[in-house]
Amino acid sequence: VAAINWSGRSTNYADSVKGRFTISRDNAKNTMFL
């Protein structure tokens, strides 16, 4: 579906969800979001 690198600076999305889904992370909270 989607991937995000260690810092959150780079992301990658499947074509089927690109433009609709957003991956993010909050390292201070030890949490990733979609």
PDB file of all heavy atoms in Angstrom:
ATOM      1  N   VAL A   1       0.821  -1.201   0.000  1.00  0.00           N
ATOM      2  CA  VAL A   1       0.000   0.000   0.000  1.00  0.00           C
ATOM      3  C   VAL A   1       0.861   1.259   0.000  1.00  0.00           C
ATOM      4  O   VAL A   1       0.760   2.098  -0.890  1.00  0.00           O
ATOM      5  CB  VAL A   1      -0.963   0.030   1.200  1.00  0.00           C
ATOM      6  CG1 VAL A   1      -1.756   1.334   1.217  1.00  0.00           C
ATOM      7  CG2 VAL A   1      -1.900  -1.170   1.161  1.00  0.00           C
ATOM      8  N   ALA A   2       1.720   1.395   1.002  1.00  0.00           N
ATOM      9  CA  ALA A   2       2.533   2.594   1.134  1.00  0.00           C
ATOM     10  C   ALA A   2       3.710   2.320   2.048  1.00  0.00           C
ATOM     11  O   ALA A   2       3.645   1.449   2.919  1.00  0.00           O
ATOM     12  CB  ALA A   2       1.710   3.765   1.686  1.00  0.00           C
ATOM     13  N   ALA A   3       4.785   3.070   1.864  1.00  0.00           N
ATOM     14  CA  ALA A   3       5.967   2.944   2.705  1.00  0.00           C
ATOM     15  C   ALA A   3       6.530   4.324   3.009  1.00  0.00           C
ATOM     16  O   ALA A   3       6.348   5.273   2.245  1.00  0.00           O
ATOM     17  CB  ALA A   3       7.033   2.081   2.029  1.00  0.00           C
ATOM     18  N   ILE A   4       7.246   4.419   4.126  1.00  0.00           N
ATOM     19  CA  ILE A   4       7.859   5.672   4.536  1.00  0.00           C
ATOM     20  C   ILE A   4       9.220   5.365   5.146  1.00  0.00           C
ATOM     21  O   ILE A   4       9.375   4.391   5.882  1.00  0.00           O
ATOM     22  CB  ILE A   4       6.938   6.426   5.525  1.00  0.00           C
ATOM     23  CG1 ILE A   4       7.470   7.826   5.813  1.00  0.00           C
ATOM     24  CG2 ILE A   4       6.738   5.623   6.809  1.00  0.00           C
ATOM     25  CD1 ILE A   4       6.427   8.716   6.493  1.00  0.00           C
ATOM     26  N   ASN A   5      10.202   6.189   4.823  1.00  0.00           N
ATOM     27  CA  ASN A   5      11.543   5.902   5.291  1.00  0.00           C
ATOM     28  C   ASN A   5      11.728   6.348   6.738  1.00  0.00           C
ATOM     29  O   ASN A   5      10.804   6.815   7.396  1.00  0.00           O
ATOM     30  CB  ASN A   5      12.589   6.514   4.354  1.00  0.00           C
ATOM     31  CG  ASN A   5      12.773   8.011   4.536  1.00  0.00           C
ATOM     32  OD1 ASN A   5      11.920   8.700   5.093  1.00  0.00           O
ATOM     33  ND2 ASN A   5      13.907   8.510   4.066  1.00  0.00           N
ATOM     34  N   TRP A   6      12.941   6.203   7.237  1.00  0.00           N
ATOM     35  CA  TRP A   6      13.230   6.377   8.655  1.00  0.00           C
ATOM     36  C   TRP A   6      12.866   7.761   9.173  1.00  0.00           C
ATOM     37  O   TRP A   6      12.305   7.888  10.268  1.00  0.00           O
ATOM     38  CB  TRP A   6      14.704   6.088   8.922  1.00  0.00           C
ATOM     39  CG  TRP A   6      15.088   4.675   8.642  1.00  0.00           C
ATOM     40  CD1 TRP A   6      15.225   3.671   9.550  1.00  0.00           C
ATOM     41  CD2 TRP A   6      15.379   4.103   7.359  1.00  0.00           C
ATOM     42  NE1 TRP A   6      15.583   2.502   8.922  1.00  0.00           N
ATOM     43  CE2 TRP A   6      15.687   2.745   7.567  1.00  0.00           C
ATOM     44  CE3 TRP A   6      15.414   4.608   6.060  1.00  0.00           C
ATOM     45  CZ2 TRP A   6      16.024   1.881   6.526  1.00  0.00           C
ATOM     46  CZ3 TRP A   6      15.741   3.744   5.018  1.00  0.00           C
ATOM     47  CH2 TRP A   6      16.044   2.409   5.259  1.00  0.00           C
ATOM     48  N   SER A   7      13.163   8.781   8.416  1.00  0.00           N
ATOM     49  CA  SER A   7      12.913  10.150   8.843  1.00  0.00           C
ATOM     50  C   SER A   7      11.530  10.654   8.455  1.00  0.00           C
ATOM     51  O   SER A   7      11.080  11.670   8.989  1.00  0.00           O
ATOM     52  CB  SER A   7      13.963  11.080   8.239  1.00  0.00           C
ATOM     53  OG  SER A   7      13.814  11.164   6.839  1.00  0.00           O
ATOM     54  N   GLY A   8      10.867   9.966   7.531  1.00  0.00           N
ATOM     55  CA  GLY A   8       9.616  10.445   6.980  1.00  0.00           C
ATOM     56  C   GLY A   8       9.790  11.352   5.782  1.00  0.00           C
ATOM     57  O   GLY A   8       8.801  11.842   5.237  1.00  0.00           O
ATOM     58  N   ARG A   9      11.021  11.568   5.359  1.00  0.00           N
ATOM     59  CA  ARG A   9      11.289  12.471   4.250  1.00  0.00           C
ATOM     60  C   ARG A   9      10.849  11.889   2.906  1.00  0.00           C
ATOM     61  O   ARG A   9      10.454  12.637   2.006  1.00  0.00           O
ATOM     62  CB  ARG A   9      12.781  12.813   4.211  1.00  0.00           C
ATOM     63  CG  ARG A   9      13.192  13.773   3.125  1.00  0.00           C
ATOM     64  CD  ARG A   9      14.656  14.158   3.245  1.00  0.00           C
ATOM     65  NE  ARG A   9      14.919  14.895   4.472  1.00  0.00           N
ATOM     66  CZ  ARG A   9      16.128  15.341   4.824  1.00  0.00           C
ATOM     67  NH1 ARG A   9      17.177  15.108   4.047  1.00  0.00           N
ATOM     68  NH2 ARG A   9      16.278  16.002   5.960  1.00  0.00           N
ATOM     69  N   SER A  10      10.911  10.552   2.773  1.00  0.00           N
ATOM     70  CA  SER A  10      10.563   9.902   1.519  1.00  0.00           C
ATOM     71  C   SER A  10       9.406   8.939   1.722  1.00  0.00           C
ATOM     72  O   SER A  10       9.328   8.250   2.740  1.00  0.00           O
ATOM     73  CB  SER A  10      11.760   9.140   0.954  1.00  0.00           C
ATOM     74  OG  SER A  10      12.814  10.024   0.627  1.00  0.00           O
ATOM     75  N   THR A  11       8.514   8.880   0.730  1.00  0.00           N
ATOM     76  CA  THR A  11       7.375   7.972   0.764  1.00  0.00           C
ATOM     77  C   THR A  11       7.215   7.289  -0.579  1.00  0.00           C
ATOM     78  O   THR A  11       7.724   7.753  -1.599  1.00  0.00           O
ATOM     79  CB  THR A  11       6.074   8.701   1.120  1.00  0.00           C
ATOM     80  OG1 THR A  11       5.837   9.738   0.159  1.00  0.00           O
ATOM     81  CG2 THR A  11       6.161   9.320   2.506  1.00  0.00           C
ATOM     82  N   ASN A  12       6.470   6.187  -0.577  1.00  0.00           N
ATOM     83  CA  ASN A  12       6.195   5.448  -1.786  1.00  0.00           C
ATOM     84  C   ASN A  12       4.779   4.882  -1.679  1.00  0.00           C
ATOM     85  O   ASN A  12       4.380   4.417  -0.608  1.00  0.00           O
ATOM     86  CB  ASN A  12       7.211   4.325  -1.984  1.00  0.00           C
ATOM     87  CG  ASN A  12       7.127   3.681  -3.348  1.00  0.00           C
ATOM     88  OD1 ASN A  12       6.572   4.248  -4.282  1.00  0.00           O
ATOM     89  ND2 ASN A  12       7.688   2.481  -3.468  1.00  0.00           N
ATOM     90  N   TYR A  13       4.029   4.920  -2.790  1.00  0.00           N
ATOM     91  CA  TYR A  13       2.643   4.479  -2.786  1.00  0.00           C
ATOM     92  C   TYR A  13       2.372   3.533  -3.940  1.00  0.00           C
ATOM     93  O   TYR A  13       2.930   3.678  -5.027  1.00  0.00           O
ATOM     94  CB  TYR A  13       1.684   5.660  -2.922  1.00  0.00           C
ATOM     95  CG  TYR A  13       1.733   6.632  -1.775  1.00  0.00           C
ATOM     96  CD1 TYR A  13       2.564   7.743  -1.813  1.00  0.00           C
ATOM     97  CD2 TYR A  13       0.937   6.446  -0.655  1.00  0.00           C
ATOM     98  CE1 TYR A  13       2.612   8.640  -0.768  1.00  0.00           C
ATOM     99  CE2 TYR A  13       0.977   7.336   0.400  1.00  0.00           C
ATOM    100  CZ  TYR A  13       1.813   8.430   0.339  1.00  0.00           C
ATOM    101  OH  TYR A  13       1.852   9.327   1.384  1.00  0.00           O
ATOM    102  N   ALA A  14       1.487   2.574  -3.689  1.00  0.00           N
ATOM    103  CA  ALA A  14       0.973   1.758  -4.775  1.00  0.00           C
ATOM    104  C   ALA A  14       0.152   2.632  -5.712  1.00  0.00           C
ATOM    105  O   ALA A  14      -0.496   3.590  -5.285  1.00  0.00           O
ATOM    106  CB  ALA A  14       0.119   0.621  -4.223  1.00  0.00           C
ATOM    107  N   ASP A  15       0.169   2.293  -6.997  1.00  0.00           N
ATOM    108  CA  ASP A  15      -0.588   3.070  -7.969  1.00  0.00           C
ATOM    109  C   ASP A  15      -2.074   3.122  -7.624  1.00  0.00           C
ATOM    110  O   ASP A  15      -2.746   4.127  -7.884  1.00  0.00           O
ATOM    111  CB  ASP A  15      -0.405   2.483  -9.369  1.00  0.00           C
ATOM    112  CG  ASP A  15       0.980   2.727  -9.929  1.00  0.00           C
ATOM    113  OD1 ASP A  15       1.681   3.627  -9.432  1.00  0.00           O
ATOM    114  OD2 ASP A  15       1.362   2.022 -10.876  1.00  0.00           O
ATOM    115  N   SER A  16      -2.598   2.069  -7.031  1.00  0.00           N
ATOM    116  CA  SER A  16      -4.010   1.983  -6.735  1.00  0.00           C
ATOM    117  C   SER A  16      -4.473   2.969  -5.660  1.00  0.00           C
ATOM    118  O   SER A  16      -5.667   3.262  -5.566  1.00  0.00           O
ATOM    119  CB  SER A  16      -4.381   0.562  -6.315  1.00  0.00           C
ATOM    120  OG  SER A  16      -3.657   0.176  -5.162  1.00  0.00           O
ATOM    121  N   VAL A  17      -3.548   3.471  -4.843  1.00  0.00           N
ATOM    122  CA  VAL A  17      -3.914   4.379  -3.758  1.00  0.00           C
ATOM    123  C   VAL A  17      -3.286   5.752  -3.892  1.00  0.00           C
ATOM    124  O   VAL A  17      -3.620   6.655  -3.108  1.00  0.00           O
ATOM    125  CB  VAL A  17      -3.552   3.786  -2.383  1.00  0.00           C
ATOM    126  CG1 VAL A  17      -4.147   2.396  -2.220  1.00  0.00           C
ATOM    127  CG2 VAL A  17      -2.037   3.749  -2.186  1.00  0.00           C
ATOM    128  N   LYS A  18      -2.419   5.936  -4.853  1.00  0.00           N
ATOM    129  CA  LYS A  18      -1.723   7.207  -5.022  1.00  0.00           C
ATOM    130  C   LYS A  18      -2.723   8.338  -5.247  1.00  0.00           C
ATOM    131  O   LYS A  18      -3.635   8.229  -6.065  1.00  0.00           O
ATOM    132  CB  LYS A  18      -0.741   7.113  -6.184  1.00  0.00           C
ATOM    133  CG  LYS A  18       0.236   8.267  -6.289  1.00  0.00           C
ATOM    134  CD  LYS A  18       1.302   7.986  -7.344  1.00  0.00           C
ATOM    135  CE  LYS A  18       2.144   6.775  -6.987  1.00  0.00           C
ATOM    136  NZ  LYS A  18       3.225   6.527  -7.980  1.00  0.00           N
ATOM    137  N   GLY A  19      -2.545   9.419  -4.509  1.00  0.00           N
ATOM    138  CA  GLY A  19      -3.444  10.548  -4.593  1.00  0.00           C
ATOM    139  C   GLY A  19      -4.621  10.470  -3.646  1.00  0.00           C
ATOM    140  O   GLY A  19      -5.319  11.471  -3.454  1.00  0.00           O
ATOM    141  N   ARG A  20      -4.859   9.304  -3.052  1.00  0.00           N
ATOM    142  CA  ARG A  20      -5.956   9.126  -2.109  1.00  0.00           C
ATOM    143  C   ARG A  20      -5.477   8.859  -0.680  1.00  0.00           C
ATOM    144  O   ARG A  20      -6.113   9.289   0.275  1.00  0.00           O
ATOM    145  CB  ARG A  20      -6.854   7.971  -2.545  1.00  0.00           C
ATOM    146  CG  ARG A  20      -7.484   8.171  -3.915  1.00  0.00           C
ATOM    147  CD  ARG A  20      -8.516   7.083  -4.210  1.00  0.00           C
ATOM    148  NE  ARG A  20      -7.909   5.749  -4.248  1.00  0.00           N
ATOM    149  CZ  ARG A  20      -8.270   4.743  -3.450  1.00  0.00           C
ATOM    150  NH1 ARG A  20      -9.237   4.911  -2.555  1.00  0.00           N
ATOM    151  NH2 ARG A  20      -7.681   3.554  -3.566  1.00  0.00           N
ATOM    152  N   PHE A  21      -4.373   8.127  -0.555  1.00  0.00           N
ATOM    153  CA  PHE A  21      -3.837   7.763   0.754  1.00  0.00           C
ATOM    154  C   PHE A  21      -2.589   8.578   1.052  1.00  0.00           C
ATOM    155  O   PHE A  21      -1.817   8.914   0.146  1.00  0.00           O
ATOM    156  CB  PHE A  21      -3.469   6.281   0.796  1.00  0.00           C
ATOM    157  CG  PHE A  21      -4.629   5.328   0.762  1.00  0.00           C
ATOM    158  CD1 PHE A  21      -5.921   5.757   0.491  1.00  0.00           C
ATOM    159  CD2 PHE A  21      -4.415   3.975   0.989  1.00  0.00           C
ATOM    160  CE1 PHE A  21      -6.982   4.872   0.453  1.00  0.00           C
ATOM    161  CE2 PHE A  21      -5.463   3.079   0.955  1.00  0.00           C
ATOM    162  CZ  PHE A  21      -6.744   3.519   0.690  1.00  0.00           C
ATOM    163  N   THR A  22      -2.358   8.849   2.330  1.00  0.00           N
ATOM    164  CA  THR A  22      -1.159   9.543   2.773  1.00  0.00           C
ATOM    165  C   THR A  22      -0.563   8.818   3.971  1.00  0.00           C
ATOM    166  O   THR A  22      -1.240   8.634   4.982  1.00  0.00           O
ATOM    167  CB  THR A  22      -1.447  10.998   3.155  1.00  0.00           C
ATOM    168  OG1 THR A  22      -2.020  11.691   2.042  1.00  0.00           O
ATOM    169  CG2 THR A  22      -0.156  11.708   3.566  1.00  0.00           C
ATOM    170  N   ILE A  23       0.696   8.414   3.851  1.00  0.00           N
ATOM    171  CA  ILE A  23       1.398   7.779   4.951  1.00  0.00           C
ATOM    172  C   ILE A  23       2.230   8.832   5.675  1.00  0.00           C
ATOM    173  O   ILE A  23       2.811   9.724   5.049  1.00  0.00           O
ATOM    174  CB  ILE A  23       2.276   6.609   4.451  1.00  0.00           C
ATOM    175  CG1 ILE A  23       2.861   5.820   5.627  1.00  0.00           C
ATOM    176  CG2 ILE A  23       3.360   7.097   3.507  1.00  0.00           C
ATOM    177  CD1 ILE A  23       3.564   4.538   5.195  1.00  0.00           C
ATOM    178  N   SER A  24       2.282   8.740   6.990  1.00  0.00           N
ATOM    179  CA  SER A  24       3.069   9.673   7.782  1.00  0.00           C
ATOM    180  C   SER A  24       3.528   8.978   9.056  1.00  0.00           C
ATOM    181  O   SER A  24       3.071   7.873   9.379  1.00  0.00           O
ATOM    182  CB  SER A  24       2.268  10.936   8.111  1.00  0.00           C
ATOM    183  OG  SER A  24       1.121  10.624   8.884  1.00  0.00           O
ATOM    184  N   ARG A  25       4.433   9.624   9.773  1.00  0.00           N
ATOM    185  CA  ARG A  25       4.903   9.049  11.027  1.00  0.00           C
ATOM    186  C   ARG A  25       5.214  10.152  12.024  1.00  0.00           C
ATOM    187  O   ARG A  25       5.599  11.264  11.651  1.00  0.00           O
ATOM    188  CB  ARG A  25       6.130   8.168  10.794  1.00  0.00           C
ATOM    189  CG  ARG A  25       7.356   8.912  10.289  1.00  0.00           C
ATOM    190  CD  ARG A  25       8.450   7.940   9.846  1.00  0.00           C
ATOM    191  NE  ARG A  25       8.948   7.133  10.949  1.00  0.00           N
ATOM    192  CZ  ARG A  25       9.715   6.054  10.809  1.00  0.00           C
ATOM    193  NH1 ARG A  25      10.051   5.640   9.583  1.00  0.00           N
ATOM    194  NH2 ARG A  25      10.133   5.384  11.874  1.00  0.00           N
ATOM    195  N   ASP A  26       5.053   9.829  13.294  1.00  0.00           N
ATOM    196  CA  ASP A  26       5.407  10.712  14.389  1.00  0.00           C
ATOM    197  C   ASP A  26       6.366   9.928  15.272  1.00  0.00           C
ATOM    198  O   ASP A  26       5.947   9.142  16.116  1.00  0.00           O
ATOM    199  CB  ASP A  26       4.171  11.147  15.163  1.00  0.00           C
ATOM    200  CG  ASP A  26       4.481  12.171  16.234  1.00  0.00           C
ATOM    201  OD1 ASP A  26       5.663  12.328  16.608  1.00  0.00           O
ATOM    202  OD2 ASP A  26       3.540  12.830  16.707  1.00  0.00           O
ATOM    203  N   ASN A  27       7.654  10.132  15.057  1.00  0.00           N
ATOM    204  CA  ASN A  27       8.653   9.351  15.777  1.00  0.00           C
ATOM    205  C   ASN A  27       8.647   9.631  17.276  1.00  0.00           C
ATOM    206  O   ASN A  27       8.982   8.763  18.074  1.00  0.00           O
ATOM    207  CB  ASN A  27      10.040   9.601  15.192  1.00  0.00           C
ATOM    208  CG  ASN A  27      10.219   8.968  13.829  1.00  0.00           C
ATOM    209  OD1 ASN A  27       9.503   8.033  13.468  1.00  0.00           O
ATOM    210  ND2 ASN A  27      11.174   9.470  13.062  1.00  0.00           N
ATOM    211  N   ALA A  28       8.263  10.837  17.662  1.00  0.00           N
ATOM    212  CA  ALA A  28       8.190  11.169  19.080  1.00  0.00           C
ATOM    213  C   ALA A  28       7.097  10.372  19.786  1.00  0.00           C
ATOM    214  O   ALA A  28       7.186  10.121  20.988  1.00  0.00           O
ATOM    215  CB  ALA A  28       7.955  12.661  19.269  1.00  0.00           C
ATOM    216  N   LYS A  29       6.067   9.971  19.045  1.00  0.00           N
ATOM    217  CA  LYS A  29       4.958   9.204  19.593  1.00  0.00           C
ATOM    218  C   LYS A  29       5.040   7.723  19.255  1.00  0.00           C
ATOM    219  O   LYS A  29       4.142   6.960  19.614  1.00  0.00           O
ATOM    220  CB  LYS A  29       3.629   9.755  19.087  1.00  0.00           C
ATOM    221  CG  LYS A  29       3.373  11.206  19.454  1.00  0.00           C
ATOM    222  CD  LYS A  29       3.155  11.373  20.938  1.00  0.00           C
ATOM    223  CE  LYS A  29       2.773  12.803  21.270  1.00  0.00           C
ATOM    224  NZ  LYS A  29       2.590  12.987  22.742  1.00  0.00           N
ATOM    225  N   ASN A  30       6.092   7.320  18.553  1.00  0.00           N
ATOM    226  CA  ASN A  30       6.260   5.920  18.130  1.00  0.00           C
ATOM    227  C   ASN A  30       5.039   5.413  17.373  1.00  0.00           C
ATOM    228  O   ASN A  30       4.563   4.298  17.601  1.00  0.00           O
ATOM    229  CB  ASN A  30       6.533   5.017  19.334  1.00  0.00           C
ATOM    230  CG  ASN A  30       7.860   5.291  19.992  1.00  0.00           C
ATOM    231  OD1 ASN A  30       8.713   5.996  19.448  1.00  0.00           O
ATOM    232  ND2 ASN A  30       8.060   4.723  21.178  1.00  0.00           N
ATOM    233  N   THR A  31       4.549   6.235  16.454  1.00  0.00           N
ATOM    234  CA  THR A  31       3.312   5.921  15.751  1.00  0.00           C
ATOM    235  C   THR A  31       3.420   6.269  14.274  1.00  0.00           C
ATOM    236  O   THR A  31       3.989   7.296  13.906  1.00  0.00           O
ATOM    237  CB  THR A  31       2.128   6.675  16.370  1.00  0.00           C
ATOM    238  OG1 THR A  31       2.062   6.402  17.774  1.00  0.00           O
ATOM    239  CG2 THR A  31       0.818   6.235  15.734  1.00  0.00           C
ATOM    240  N   MET A  32       2.856   5.400  13.436  1.00  0.00           N
ATOM    241  CA  MET A  32       2.721   5.643  12.013  1.00  0.00           C
ATOM    242  C   MET A  32       1.237   5.739  11.680  1.00  0.00           C
ATOM    243  O   MET A  32       0.405   5.098  12.318  1.00  0.00           O
ATOM    244  CB  MET A  32       3.364   4.504  11.212  1.00  0.00           C
ATOM    245  CG  MET A  32       3.148   4.604   9.712  1.00  0.00           C
ATOM    246  SD  MET A  32       3.936   3.270   8.764  1.00  0.00           S
ATOM    247  CE  MET A  32       3.075   1.826   9.362  1.00  0.00           C
ATOM    248  N   PHE A  33       0.914   6.519  10.642  1.00  0.00           N
ATOM    249  CA  PHE A  33      -0.472   6.736  10.264  1.00  0.00           C
ATOM    250  C   PHE A  33      -0.674   6.468   8.780  1.00  0.00           C
ATOM    251  O   PHE A  33       0.241   6.586   7.968  1.00  0.00           O
ATOM    252  CB  PHE A  33      -0.892   8.179  10.558  1.00  0.00           C
ATOM    253  CG  PHE A  33      -0.677   8.592  11.981  1.00  0.00           C
ATOM    254  CD1 PHE A  33       0.463   9.292  12.348  1.00  0.00           C
ATOM    255  CD2 PHE A  33      -1.605   8.285  12.950  1.00  0.00           C
ATOM    256  CE1 PHE A  33       0.675   9.683  13.654  1.00  0.00           C
ATOM    257  CE2 PHE A  33      -1.409   8.667  14.268  1.00  0.00           C
ATOM    258  CZ  PHE A  33      -0.264   9.367  14.620  1.00  0.00           C
ATOM    259  N   LEU A  34      -1.897   6.121   8.443  1.00  0.00           N
ATOM    260  CA  LEU A  34      -2.324   6.041   7.057  1.00  0.00           C
ATOM    261  C   LEU A  34      -3.660   6.755   6.940  1.00  0.00           C
ATOM    262  O   LEU A  34      -4.682   6.249   7.412  1.00  0.00           O
ATOM    263  CB  LEU A  34      -2.450   4.591   6.587  1.00  0.00           C
ATOM    264  CG  LEU A  34      -2.789   4.417   5.110  1.00  0.00           C
ATOM    265  CD1 LEU A  34      -1.625   4.871   4.230  1.00  0.00           C
ATOM    266  CD2 LEU A  34      -3.148   2.963   4.797  1.00  0.00           C
TER     267      LEU A  34
END
